[in-house]
Amino acid sequence: MKATIWHNPRCSKSRETLALLEAAGAEIATVEYLKAPPERAELERLLAKGGLAPRDVLRAGEPLAKELALADADDDRLLSLMLLHPVLIERPLVETDKGVRLGRPPERVREIL
């Protein structure tokens, strides 16, 4: 099974999710999304495949999110700002042929293994 993880190696949940994928024997493609943010079409595709809204993957507790006053932002604004500031994207996102899940908690990715 192939899996792609949008990963931040400094994040414990992201590291736990990566370990879960490794333990499951997945062939893993790792994307350090802070260094290589997704294009808008890619992020939209991932969200659609996972049945997720932009707000579902917003790191609302991030100081920048508060600074940008994103509480009332619409989906288009959220997506634009996530692409401009990838630190606003919650991690890790995992994609397999079975779907996309946000690894919070990491065990959620088992749904798509």
PDB file of N, CA and C in Angstrom:
ATOM      1  N   MET A   1       0.841  -1.174   0.000  1.00  0.00           N
ATOM      2  CA  MET A   1       0.000   0.000   0.000  1.00  0.00           C
ATOM      3  C   MET A   1       0.888   1.239   0.000  1.00  0.00           C
ATOM      4  N   LYS A   2       0.486   2.207  -0.800  1.00  0.00           N
ATOM      5  CA  LYS A   2       1.209   3.477  -0.876  1.00  0.00           C
ATOM      6  C   LYS A   2       0.490   4.506  -0.022  1.00  0.00           C
ATOM      7  N   ALA A   3       1.276   5.340   0.624  1.00  0.00           N
ATOM      8  CA  ALA A   3       0.730   6.423   1.444  1.00  0.00           C
ATOM      9  C   ALA A   3       1.603   7.655   1.265  1.00  0.00           C
ATOM     10  N   THR A   4       0.962   8.801   1.240  1.00  0.00           N
ATOM     11  CA  THR A   4       1.679  10.073   1.233  1.00  0.00           C
ATOM     12  C   THR A   4       1.306  10.799   2.511  1.00  0.00           C
ATOM     13  N   ILE A   5       2.324  11.285   3.203  1.00  0.00           N
ATOM     14  CA  ILE A   5       2.097  12.036   4.433  1.00  0.00           C
ATOM     15  C   ILE A   5       2.641  13.446   4.254  1.00  0.00           C
ATOM     16  N   TRP A   6       1.791  14.432   4.534  1.00  0.00           N
ATOM     17  CA  TRP A   6       2.217  15.831   4.573  1.00  0.00           C
ATOM     18  C   TRP A   6       2.647  16.040   6.006  1.00  0.00           C
ATOM     19  N   HIS A   7       3.944  16.152   6.187  1.00  0.00           N
ATOM     20  CA  HIS A   7       4.619  15.901   7.448  1.00  0.00           C
ATOM     21  C   HIS A   7       5.409  17.113   7.922  1.00  0.00           C
ATOM     22  N   ASN A   8       5.435  17.269   9.245  1.00  0.00           N
ATOM     23  CA  ASN A   8       6.328  18.222   9.893  1.00  0.00           C
ATOM     24  C   ASN A   8       7.124  17.409  10.905  1.00  0.00           C
ATOM     25  N   PRO A   9       8.413  17.170  10.660  1.00  0.00           N
ATOM     26  CA  PRO A   9       9.201  16.323  11.550  1.00  0.00           C
ATOM     27  C   PRO A   9       9.328  16.865  12.972  1.00  0.00           C
ATOM     28  N   ARG A  10       9.008  18.120  13.189  1.00  0.00           N
ATOM     29  CA  ARG A  10       9.077  18.691  14.536  1.00  0.00           C
ATOM     30  C   ARG A  10       7.807  18.433  15.348  1.00  0.00           C
ATOM     31  N   CYS A  11       6.777  17.897  14.704  1.00  0.00           N
ATOM     32  CA  CYS A  11       5.482  17.678  15.341  1.00  0.00           C
ATOM     33  C   CYS A  11       5.374  16.233  15.840  1.00  0.00           C
ATOM     34  N   SER A  12       5.068  16.062  17.118  1.00  0.00           N
ATOM     35  CA  SER A  12       4.982  14.711  17.684  1.00  0.00           C
ATOM     36  C   SER A  12       3.858  13.902  17.045  1.00  0.00           C
ATOM     37  N   LYS A  13       2.715  14.506  16.763  1.00  0.00           N
ATOM     38  CA  LYS A  13       1.602  13.771  16.132  1.00  0.00           C
ATOM     39  C   LYS A  13       1.988  13.340  14.723  1.00  0.00           C
ATOM     40  N   SER A  14       2.718  14.170  14.028  1.00  0.00           N
ATOM     41  CA  SER A  14       3.168  13.833  12.691  1.00  0.00           C
ATOM     42  C   SER A  14       4.172  12.676  12.749  1.00  0.00           C
ATOM     43  N   ARG A  15       5.084  12.721  13.698  1.00  0.00           N
ATOM     44  CA  ARG A  15       6.054  11.630  13.853  1.00  0.00           C
ATOM     45  C   ARG A  15       5.351  10.334  14.251  1.00  0.00           C
ATOM     46  N   GLU A  16       4.359  10.418  15.140  1.00  0.00           N
ATOM     47  CA  GLU A  16       3.601   9.230  15.547  1.00  0.00           C
ATOM     48  C   GLU A  16       2.852   8.637  14.355  1.00  0.00           C
ATOM     49  N   THR A  17       2.282   9.486  13.531  1.00  0.00           N
ATOM     50  CA  THR A  17       1.551   9.017  12.356  1.00  0.00           C
ATOM     51  C   THR A  17       2.500   8.358  11.367  1.00  0.00           C
ATOM     52  N   LEU A  18       3.664   8.939  11.159  1.00  0.00           N
ATOM     53  CA  LEU A  18       4.660   8.349  10.272  1.00  0.00           C
ATOM     54  C   LEU A  18       5.065   6.968  10.787  1.00  0.00           C
ATOM     55  N   ALA A  19       5.278   6.838  12.088  1.00  0.00           N
ATOM     56  CA  ALA A  19       5.639   5.541  12.677  1.00  0.00           C
ATOM     57  C   ALA A  19       4.519   4.525  12.482  1.00  0.00           C
ATOM     58  N   LEU A  20       3.278   4.972  12.595  1.00  0.00           N
ATOM     59  CA  LEU A  20       2.131   4.084  12.385  1.00  0.00           C
ATOM     60  C   LEU A  20       2.122   3.571  10.944  1.00  0.00           C
ATOM     61  N   LEU A  21       2.384   4.446  10.000  1.00  0.00           N
ATOM     62  CA  LEU A  21       2.443   4.051   8.587  1.00  0.00           C
ATOM     63  C   LEU A  21       3.583   3.060   8.342  1.00  0.00           C
ATOM     64  N   GLU A  22       4.734   3.336   8.943  1.00  0.00           N
ATOM     65  CA  GLU A  22       5.874   2.430   8.795  1.00  0.00           C
ATOM     66  C   GLU A  22       5.540   1.060   9.367  1.00  0.00           C
ATOM     67  N   ALA A  23       4.921   1.020  10.549  1.00  0.00           N
ATOM     68  CA  ALA A  23       4.560  -0.245  11.191  1.00  0.00           C
ATOM     69  C   ALA A  23       3.550  -1.030  10.354  1.00  0.00           C
ATOM     70  N   ALA A  24       2.717  -0.309   9.601  1.00  0.00           N
ATOM     71  CA  ALA A  24       1.718  -0.960   8.748  1.00  0.00           C
ATOM     72  C   ALA A  24       2.332  -1.467   7.446  1.00  0.00           C
ATOM     73  N   GLY A  25       3.608  -1.178   7.222  1.00  0.00           N
ATOM     74  CA  GLY A  25       4.284  -1.641   6.021  1.00  0.00           C
ATOM     75  C   GLY A  25       3.992  -0.817   4.783  1.00  0.00           C
ATOM     76  N   ALA A  26       3.532   0.391   4.967  1.00  0.00           N
ATOM     77  CA  ALA A  26       3.202   1.255   3.834  1.00  0.00           C
ATOM     78  C   ALA A  26       4.464   1.698   3.096  1.00  0.00           C
ATOM     79  N   GLU A  27       4.313   1.876   1.802  1.00  0.00           N
ATOM     80  CA  GLU A  27       5.344   2.508   0.977  1.00  0.00           C
ATOM     81  C   GLU A  27       5.050   4.002   1.060  1.00  0.00           C
ATOM     82  N   ILE A  28       5.896   4.734   1.773  1.00  0.00           N
ATOM     83  CA  ILE A  28       5.565   6.103   2.177  1.00  0.00           C
ATOM     84  C   ILE A  28       6.318   7.146   1.362  1.00  0.00           C
ATOM     85  N   ALA A  29       5.563   8.107   0.862  1.00  0.00           N
ATOM     86  CA  ALA A  29       6.139   9.315   0.281  1.00  0.00           C
ATOM     87  C   ALA A  29       5.924  10.410   1.322  1.00  0.00           C
ATOM     88  N   THR A  30       7.002  11.034   1.732  1.00  0.00           N
ATOM     89  CA  THR A  30       6.930  12.068   2.764  1.00  0.00           C
ATOM     90  C   THR A  30       7.116  13.432   2.121  1.00  0.00           C
ATOM     91  N   VAL A  31       6.173  14.331   2.405  1.00  0.00           N
ATOM     92  CA  VAL A  31       6.244  15.697   1.903  1.00  0.00           C
ATOM     93  C   VAL A  31       6.355  16.619   3.110  1.00  0.00           C
ATOM     94  N   GLU A  32       7.482  17.287   3.245  1.00  0.00           N
ATOM     95  CA  GLU A  32       7.625  18.275   4.315  1.00  0.00           C
ATOM     96  C   GLU A  32       6.970  19.560   3.821  1.00  0.00           C
ATOM     97  N   TYR A  33       5.687  19.678   4.138  1.00  0.00           N
ATOM     98  CA  TYR A  33       4.862  20.715   3.520  1.00  0.00           C
ATOM     99  C   TYR A  33       5.266  22.128   3.916  1.00  0.00           C
ATOM    100  N   LEU A  34       6.016  22.305   4.989  1.00  0.00           N
ATOM    101  CA  LEU A  34       6.490  23.650   5.319  1.00  0.00           C
ATOM    102  C   LEU A  34       7.586  24.083   4.346  1.00  0.00           C
ATOM    103  N   LYS A  35       8.333  23.105   3.813  1.00  0.00           N
ATOM    104  CA  LYS A  35       9.383  23.388   2.834  1.00  0.00           C
ATOM    105  C   LYS A  35       8.832  23.359   1.413  1.00  0.00           C
ATOM    106  N   ALA A  36       7.837  22.512   1.180  1.00  0.00           N
ATOM    107  CA  ALA A  36       7.255  22.340  -0.154  1.00  0.00           C
ATOM    108  C   ALA A  36       5.737  22.351  -0.033  1.00  0.00           C
ATOM    109  N   PRO A  37       5.142  23.537   0.143  1.00  0.00           N
ATOM    110  CA  PRO A  37       3.683  23.619   0.317  1.00  0.00           C
ATOM    111  C   PRO A  37       2.951  23.114  -0.930  1.00  0.00           C
ATOM    112  N   PRO A  38       1.762  22.567  -0.722  1.00  0.00           N
ATOM    113  CA  PRO A  38       0.987  22.109  -1.877  1.00  0.00           C
ATOM    114  C   PRO A  38       0.493  23.298  -2.700  1.00  0.00           C
ATOM    115  N   GLU A  39       0.227  23.023  -3.950  1.00  0.00           N
ATOM    116  CA  GLU A  39      -0.447  24.006  -4.792  1.00  0.00           C
ATOM    117  C   GLU A  39      -1.914  24.041  -4.369  1.00  0.00           C
ATOM    118  N   ARG A  40      -2.610  25.084  -4.728  1.00  0.00           N
ATOM    119  CA  ARG A  40      -4.021  25.209  -4.345  1.00  0.00           C
ATOM    120  C   ARG A  40      -4.855  24.018  -4.833  1.00  0.00           C
ATOM    121  N   ALA A  41      -4.674  23.633  -6.092  1.00  0.00           N
ATOM    122  CA  ALA A  41      -5.457  22.517  -6.641  1.00  0.00           C
ATOM    123  C   ALA A  41      -5.188  21.233  -5.864  1.00  0.00           C
ATOM    124  N   GLU A  42      -3.951  21.027  -5.457  1.00  0.00           N
ATOM    125  CA  GLU A  42      -3.601  19.826  -4.688  1.00  0.00           C
ATOM    126  C   GLU A  42      -4.264  19.848  -3.313  1.00  0.00           C
ATOM    127  N   LEU A  43      -4.214  20.975  -2.640  1.00  0.00           N
ATOM    128  CA  LEU A  43      -4.851  21.073  -1.325  1.00  0.00           C
ATOM    129  C   LEU A  43      -6.360  20.897  -1.451  1.00  0.00           C
ATOM    130  N   GLU A  44      -6.953  21.503  -2.450  1.00  0.00           N
ATOM    131  CA  GLU A  44      -8.395  21.334  -2.674  1.00  0.00           C
ATOM    132  C   GLU A  44      -8.738  19.873  -2.958  1.00  0.00           C
ATOM    133  N   ARG A  45      -7.906  19.188  -3.732  1.00  0.00           N
ATOM    134  CA  ARG A  45      -8.129  17.784  -4.051  1.00  0.00           C
ATOM    135  C   ARG A  45      -8.053  16.924  -2.788  1.00  0.00           C
ATOM    136  N   LEU A  46      -7.040  17.184  -1.965  1.00  0.00           N
ATOM    137  CA  LEU A  46      -6.891  16.430  -0.714  1.00  0.00           C
ATOM    138  C   LEU A  46      -8.098  16.629   0.198  1.00  0.00           C
ATOM    139  N   LEU A  47      -8.529  17.861   0.333  1.00  0.00           N
ATOM    140  CA  LEU A  47      -9.674  18.145   1.196  1.00  0.00           C
ATOM    141  C   LEU A  47     -10.924  17.451   0.669  1.00  0.00           C
ATOM    142  N   ALA A  48     -11.142  17.519  -0.633  1.00  0.00           N
ATOM    143  CA  ALA A  48     -12.323  16.872  -1.217  1.00  0.00           C
ATOM    144  C   ALA A  48     -12.269  15.364  -1.014  1.00  0.00           C
ATOM    145  N   LYS A  49     -11.110  14.771  -1.243  1.00  0.00           N
ATOM    146  CA  LYS A  49     -10.962  13.316  -1.091  1.00  0.00           C
ATOM    147  C   LYS A  49     -11.182  12.886   0.354  1.00  0.00           C
ATOM    148  N   GLY A  50     -10.855  13.750   1.295  1.00  0.00           N
ATOM    149  CA  GLY A  50     -11.034  13.427   2.710  1.00  0.00           C
ATOM    150  C   GLY A  50     -12.356  13.894   3.288  1.00  0.00           C
ATOM    151  N   GLY A  51     -13.172  14.565   2.452  1.00  0.00           N
ATOM    152  CA  GLY A  51     -14.426  15.105   2.965  1.00  0.00           C
ATOM    153  C   GLY A  51     -14.192  16.180   4.018  1.00  0.00           C
ATOM    154  N   LEU A  52     -13.132  16.945   3.825  1.00  0.00           N
ATOM    155  CA  LEU A  52     -12.727  17.961   4.791  1.00  0.00           C
ATOM    156  C   LEU A  52     -12.966  19.366   4.243  1.00  0.00           C
ATOM    157  N   ALA A  53     -13.305  20.260   5.125  1.00  0.00           N
ATOM    158  CA  ALA A  53     -13.406  21.678   4.777  1.00  0.00           C
ATOM    159  C   ALA A  53     -12.090  22.349   5.172  1.00  0.00           C
ATOM    160  N   PRO A  54     -11.759  23.474   4.559  1.00  0.00           N
ATOM    161  CA  PRO A  54     -10.530  24.164   4.949  1.00  0.00           C
ATOM    162  C   PRO A  54     -10.436  24.410   6.457  1.00  0.00           C
ATOM    163  N   ARG A  55     -11.540  24.743   7.078  1.00  0.00           N
ATOM    164  CA  ARG A  55     -11.513  24.996   8.522  1.00  0.00           C
ATOM    165  C   ARG A  55     -11.133  23.739   9.315  1.00  0.00           C
ATOM    166  N   ASP A  56     -11.425  22.561   8.754  1.00  0.00           N
ATOM    167  CA  ASP A  56     -11.084  21.302   9.429  1.00  0.00           C
ATOM    168  C   ASP A  56      -9.578  21.091   9.540  1.00  0.00           C
ATOM    169  N   VAL A  57      -8.813  21.718   8.656  1.00  0.00           N
ATOM    170  CA  VAL A  57      -7.363  21.538   8.659  1.00  0.00           C
ATOM    171  C   VAL A  57      -6.628  22.846   8.978  1.00  0.00           C
ATOM    172  N   LEU A  58      -7.326  23.774   9.572  1.00  0.00           N
ATOM    173  CA  LEU A  58      -6.726  25.041   9.989  1.00  0.00           C
ATOM    174  C   LEU A  58      -6.145  24.895  11.393  1.00  0.00           C
ATOM    175  N   ARG A  59      -4.919  25.279  11.556  1.00  0.00           N
ATOM    176  CA  ARG A  59      -4.307  25.315  12.893  1.00  0.00           C
ATOM    177  C   ARG A  59      -4.772  26.605  13.571  1.00  0.00           C
ATOM    178  N   ALA A  60      -5.982  26.556  14.095  1.00  0.00           N
ATOM    179  CA  ALA A  60      -6.619  27.746  14.667  1.00  0.00           C
ATOM    180  C   ALA A  60      -5.867  28.289  15.874  1.00  0.00           C
ATOM    181  N   GLY A  61      -5.125  27.438  16.566  1.00  0.00           N
ATOM    182  CA  GLY A  61      -4.374  27.887  17.734  1.00  0.00           C
ATOM    183  C   GLY A  61      -3.034  28.516  17.389  1.00  0.00           C
ATOM    184  N   GLU A  62      -2.670  28.457  16.141  1.00  0.00           N
ATOM    185  CA  GLU A  62      -1.414  29.053  15.689  1.00  0.00           C
ATOM    186  C   GLU A  62      -1.489  30.569  15.893  1.00  0.00           C
ATOM    187  N   PRO A  63      -0.459  31.183  16.481  1.00  0.00           N
ATOM    188  CA  PRO A  63      -0.497  32.637  16.685  1.00  0.00           C
ATOM    189  C   PRO A  63      -0.822  33.422  15.416  1.00  0.00           C
ATOM    190  N   LEU A  64      -0.312  32.972  14.281  1.00  0.00           N
ATOM    191  CA  LEU A  64      -0.591  33.669  13.022  1.00  0.00           C
ATOM    192  C   LEU A  64      -2.076  33.630  12.685  1.00  0.00           C
ATOM    193  N   ALA A  65      -2.747  32.527  12.989  1.00  0.00           N
ATOM    194  CA  ALA A  65      -4.195  32.437  12.719  1.00  0.00           C
ATOM    195  C   ALA A  65      -4.943  33.488  13.523  1.00  0.00           C
ATOM    196  N   LYS A  66      -4.525  33.682  14.751  1.00  0.00           N
ATOM    197  CA  LYS A  66      -5.173  34.697  15.583  1.00  0.00           C
ATOM    198  C   LYS A  66      -4.837  36.096  15.077  1.00  0.00           C
ATOM    199  N   GLU A  67      -3.592  36.281  14.685  1.00  0.00           N
ATOM    200  CA  GLU A  67      -3.161  37.583  14.165  1.00  0.00           C
ATOM    201  C   GLU A  67      -3.940  37.956  12.903  1.00  0.00           C
ATOM    202  N   LEU A  68      -4.218  36.959  12.066  1.00  0.00           N
ATOM    203  CA  LEU A  68      -4.940  37.206  10.813  1.00  0.00           C
ATOM    204  C   LEU A  68      -6.455  37.223  11.000  1.00  0.00           C
ATOM    205  N   ALA A  69      -6.922  37.009  12.231  1.00  0.00           N
ATOM    206  CA  ALA A  69      -8.355  37.036  12.551  1.00  0.00           C
ATOM    207  C   ALA A  69      -9.156  36.139  11.607  1.00  0.00           C
ATOM    208  N   LEU A  70      -8.838  34.849  11.650  1.00  0.00           N
ATOM    209  CA  LEU A  70      -9.451  33.908  10.728  1.00  0.00           C
ATOM    210  C   LEU A  70     -10.750  33.284  11.226  1.00  0.00           C
ATOM    211  N   ALA A  71     -11.214  33.690  12.383  1.00  0.00           N
ATOM    212  CA  ALA A  71     -12.416  33.085  12.957  1.00  0.00           C
ATOM    213  C   ALA A  71     -13.609  33.158  12.012  1.00  0.00           C
ATOM    214  N   ASP A  72     -13.747  34.240  11.288  1.00  0.00           N
ATOM    215  CA  ASP A  72     -14.904  34.419  10.403  1.00  0.00           C
ATOM    216  C   ASP A  72     -14.538  34.326   8.919  1.00  0.00           C
ATOM    217  N   ALA A  73     -13.330  33.858   8.624  1.00  0.00           N
ATOM    218  CA  ALA A  73     -12.884  33.806   7.225  1.00  0.00           C
ATOM    219  C   ALA A  73     -13.641  32.737   6.451  1.00  0.00           C
ATOM    220  N   ASP A  74     -13.921  33.014   5.192  1.00  0.00           N
ATOM    221  CA  ASP A  74     -14.584  32.013   4.345  1.00  0.00           C
ATOM    222  C   ASP A  74     -13.538  31.029   3.818  1.00  0.00           C
ATOM    223  N   ASP A  75     -14.019  29.961   3.177  1.00  0.00           N
ATOM    224  CA  ASP A  75     -13.135  28.902   2.698  1.00  0.00           C
ATOM    225  C   ASP A  75     -12.077  29.412   1.730  1.00  0.00           C
ATOM    226  N   ASP A  76     -12.452  30.303   0.836  1.00  0.00           N
ATOM    227  CA  ASP A  76     -11.505  30.815  -0.145  1.00  0.00           C
ATOM    228  C   ASP A  76     -10.354  31.554   0.534  1.00  0.00           C
ATOM    229  N   ARG A  77     -10.690  32.393   1.497  1.00  0.00           N
ATOM    230  CA  ARG A  77      -9.654  33.131   2.237  1.00  0.00           C
ATOM    231  C   ARG A  77      -8.769  32.178   3.030  1.00  0.00           C
ATOM    232  N   LEU A  78      -9.388  31.189   3.683  1.00  0.00           N
ATOM    233  CA  LEU A  78      -8.606  30.222   4.444  1.00  0.00           C
ATOM    234  C   LEU A  78      -7.610  29.495   3.548  1.00  0.00           C
ATOM    235  N   LEU A  79      -8.084  29.005   2.413  1.00  0.00           N
ATOM    236  CA  LEU A  79      -7.189  28.302   1.491  1.00  0.00           C
ATOM    237  C   LEU A  79      -6.051  29.206   1.025  1.00  0.00           C
ATOM    238  N   SER A  80      -6.388  30.423   0.644  1.00  0.00           N
ATOM    239  CA  SER A  80      -5.360  31.355   0.169  1.00  0.00           C
ATOM    240  C   SER A  80      -4.300  31.594   1.231  1.00  0.00           C
ATOM    241  N   LEU A  81      -4.730  31.786   2.463  1.00  0.00           N
ATOM    242  CA  LEU A  81      -3.778  32.059   3.536  1.00  0.00           C
ATOM    243  C   LEU A  81      -2.989  30.817   3.933  1.00  0.00           C
ATOM    244  N   MET A  82      -3.600  29.645   3.855  1.00  0.00           N
ATOM    245  CA  MET A  82      -2.866  28.405   4.138  1.00  0.00           C
ATOM    246  C   MET A  82      -1.747  28.188   3.125  1.00  0.00           C
ATOM    247  N   LEU A  83      -2.008  28.538   1.886  1.00  0.00           N
ATOM    248  CA  LEU A  83      -0.993  28.370   0.855  1.00  0.00           C
ATOM    249  C   LEU A  83       0.115  29.407   1.001  1.00  0.00           C
ATOM    250  N   LEU A  84      -0.248  30.591   1.415  1.00  0.00           N
ATOM    251  CA  LEU A  84       0.730  31.653   1.645  1.00  0.00           C
ATOM    252  C   LEU A  84       1.543  31.388   2.912  1.00  0.00           C
ATOM    253  N   HIS A  85       0.880  30.808   3.920  1.00  0.00           N
ATOM    254  CA  HIS A  85       1.497  30.517   5.214  1.00  0.00           C
ATOM    255  C   HIS A  85       1.204  29.060   5.577  1.00  0.00           C
ATOM    256  N   PRO A  86       1.964  28.101   5.047  1.00  0.00           N
ATOM    257  CA  PRO A  86       1.644  26.691   5.272  1.00  0.00           C
ATOM    258  C   PRO A  86       1.654  26.264   6.739  1.00  0.00           C
ATOM    259  N   VAL A  87       2.230  27.071   7.613  1.00  0.00           N
ATOM    260  CA  VAL A  87       2.187  26.761   9.043  1.00  0.00           C
ATOM    261  C   VAL A  87       0.741  26.714   9.545  1.00  0.00           C
ATOM    262  N   LEU A  88      -0.182  27.298   8.786  1.00  0.00           N
ATOM    263  CA  LEU A  88      -1.596  27.292   9.169  1.00  0.00           C
ATOM    264  C   LEU A  88      -2.292  25.971   8.842  1.00  0.00           C
ATOM    265  N   ILE A  89      -1.613  25.088   8.089  1.00  0.00           N
ATOM    266  CA  ILE A  89      -2.206  23.796   7.735  1.00  0.00           C
ATOM    267  C   ILE A  89      -1.931  22.801   8.849  1.00  0.00           C
ATOM    268  N   GLU A  90      -2.994  22.203   9.371  1.00  0.00           N
ATOM    269  CA  GLU A  90      -2.849  21.190  10.418  1.00  0.00           C
ATOM    270  C   GLU A  90      -2.145  19.978   9.847  1.00  0.00           C
ATOM    271  N   ARG A  91      -1.400  19.311  10.682  1.00  0.00           N
ATOM    272  CA  ARG A  91      -0.663  18.135  10.239  1.00  0.00           C
ATOM    273  C   ARG A  91      -0.901  16.999  11.196  1.00  0.00           C
ATOM    274  N   PRO A  92      -0.630  15.828  10.694  1.00  0.00           N
ATOM    275  CA  PRO A  92      -0.284  15.444   9.338  1.00  0.00           C
ATOM    276  C   PRO A  92      -1.521  15.065   8.534  1.00  0.00           C
ATOM    277  N   LEU A  93      -1.492  15.346   7.279  1.00  0.00           N
ATOM    278  CA  LEU A  93      -2.501  14.823   6.348  1.00  0.00           C
ATOM    279  C   LEU A  93      -1.896  13.588   5.707  1.00  0.00           C
ATOM    280  N   VAL A  94      -2.696  12.531   5.594  1.00  0.00           N
ATOM    281  CA  VAL A  94      -2.231  11.284   4.988  1.00  0.00           C
ATOM    282  C   VAL A  94      -3.209  10.890   3.888  1.00  0.00           C
ATOM    283  N   GLU A  95      -2.645  10.504   2.742  1.00  0.00           N
ATOM    284  CA  GLU A  95      -3.457  10.052   1.621  1.00  0.00           C
ATOM    285  C   GLU A  95      -3.049   8.645   1.227  1.00  0.00           C
ATOM    286  N   THR A  96      -4.049   7.786   1.010  1.00  0.00           N
ATOM    287  CA  THR A  96      -3.860   6.476   0.403  1.00  0.00           C
ATOM    288  C   THR A  96      -4.926   6.346  -0.682  1.00  0.00           C
ATOM    289  N   ASP A  97      -4.943   5.196  -1.332  1.00  0.00           N
ATOM    290  CA  ASP A  97      -5.990   4.954  -2.338  1.00  0.00           C
ATOM    291  C   ASP A  97      -7.379   4.961  -1.714  1.00  0.00           C
ATOM    292  N   LYS A  98      -7.447   4.748  -0.407  1.00  0.00           N
ATOM    293  CA  LYS A  98      -8.737   4.673   0.280  1.00  0.00           C
ATOM    294  C   LYS A  98      -9.242   6.016   0.794  1.00  0.00           C
ATOM    295  N   GLY A  99      -8.439   7.068   0.684  1.00  0.00           N
ATOM    296  CA  GLY A  99      -8.904   8.377   1.121  1.00  0.00           C
ATOM    297  C   GLY A  99      -7.818   9.218   1.752  1.00  0.00           C
ATOM    298  N   VAL A 100      -8.260  10.274   2.415  1.00  0.00           N
ATOM    299  CA  VAL A 100      -7.373  11.215   3.103  1.00  0.00           C
ATOM    300  C   VAL A 100      -7.883  11.368   4.525  1.00  0.00           C
ATOM    301  N   ARG A 101      -6.966  11.364   5.473  1.00  0.00           N
ATOM    302  CA  ARG A 101      -7.315  11.599   6.870  1.00  0.00           C
ATOM    303  C   ARG A 101      -6.304  12.548   7.479  1.00  0.00           C
ATOM    304  N   LEU A 102      -6.794  13.325   8.423  1.00  0.00           N
ATOM    305  CA  LEU A 102      -5.936  14.148   9.264  1.00  0.00           C
ATOM    306  C   LEU A 102      -5.535  13.269  10.437  1.00  0.00           C
ATOM    307  N   GLY A 103      -4.260  13.121  10.668  1.00  0.00           N
ATOM    308  CA  GLY A 103      -3.765  12.238  11.719  1.00  0.00           C
ATOM    309  C   GLY A 103      -3.847  12.845  13.101  1.00  0.00           C
ATOM    310  N   ARG A 104      -5.009  13.264  13.483  1.00  0.00           N
ATOM    311  CA  ARG A 104      -5.265  13.814  14.820  1.00  0.00           C
ATOM    312  C   ARG A 104      -6.529  13.179  15.347  1.00  0.00           C
ATOM    313  N   PRO A 105      -6.417  12.185  16.136  1.00  0.00           N
ATOM    314  CA  PRO A 105      -5.201  11.515  16.601  1.00  0.00           C
ATOM    315  C   PRO A 105      -4.623  10.640  15.495  1.00  0.00           C
ATOM    316  N   PRO A 106      -3.362  10.234  15.648  1.00  0.00           N
ATOM    317  CA  PRO A 106      -2.710   9.433  14.609  1.00  0.00           C
ATOM    318  C   PRO A 106      -3.493   8.178  14.214  1.00  0.00           C
ATOM    319  N   GLU A 107      -4.196   7.563  15.134  1.00  0.00           N
ATOM    320  CA  GLU A 107      -4.932   6.338  14.866  1.00  0.00           C
ATOM    321  C   GLU A 107      -6.003   6.517  13.780  1.00  0.00           C
ATOM    322  N   ARG A 108      -6.428   7.728  13.517  1.00  0.00           N
ATOM    323  CA  ARG A 108      -7.437   7.966  12.476  1.00  0.00           C
ATOM    324  C   ARG A 108      -6.983   7.504  11.101  1.00  0.00           C
ATOM    325  N   VAL A 109      -5.676   7.486  10.871  1.00  0.00           N
ATOM    326  CA  VAL A 109      -5.201   7.075   9.541  1.00  0.00           C
ATOM    327  C   VAL A 109      -5.429   5.586   9.309  1.00  0.00           C
ATOM    328  N   ARG A 110      -5.658   4.824  10.351  1.00  0.00           N
ATOM    329  CA  ARG A 110      -5.947   3.390  10.171  1.00  0.00           C
ATOM    330  C   ARG A 110      -7.198   3.192   9.311  1.00  0.00           C
ATOM    331  N   GLU A 111      -8.088   4.177   9.312  1.00  0.00           N
ATOM    332  CA  GLU A 111      -9.315   4.103   8.522  1.00  0.00           C
ATOM    333  C   GLU A 111      -9.033   3.985   7.022  1.00  0.00           C
ATOM    334  N   ILE A 112      -7.851   4.418   6.596  1.00  0.00           N
ATOM    335  CA  ILE A 112      -7.540   4.417   5.161  1.00  0.00           C
ATOM    336  C   ILE A 112      -6.380   3.488   4.813  1.00  0.00           C
ATOM    337  N   LEU A 113      -6.009   2.634   5.736  1.00  0.00           N
ATOM    338  CA  LEU A 113      -4.921   1.679   5.465  1.00  0.00           C
ATOM    339  C   LEU A 113      -5.471   0.400   4.886  1.00  0.00           C
TER     340      LEU A 113
END
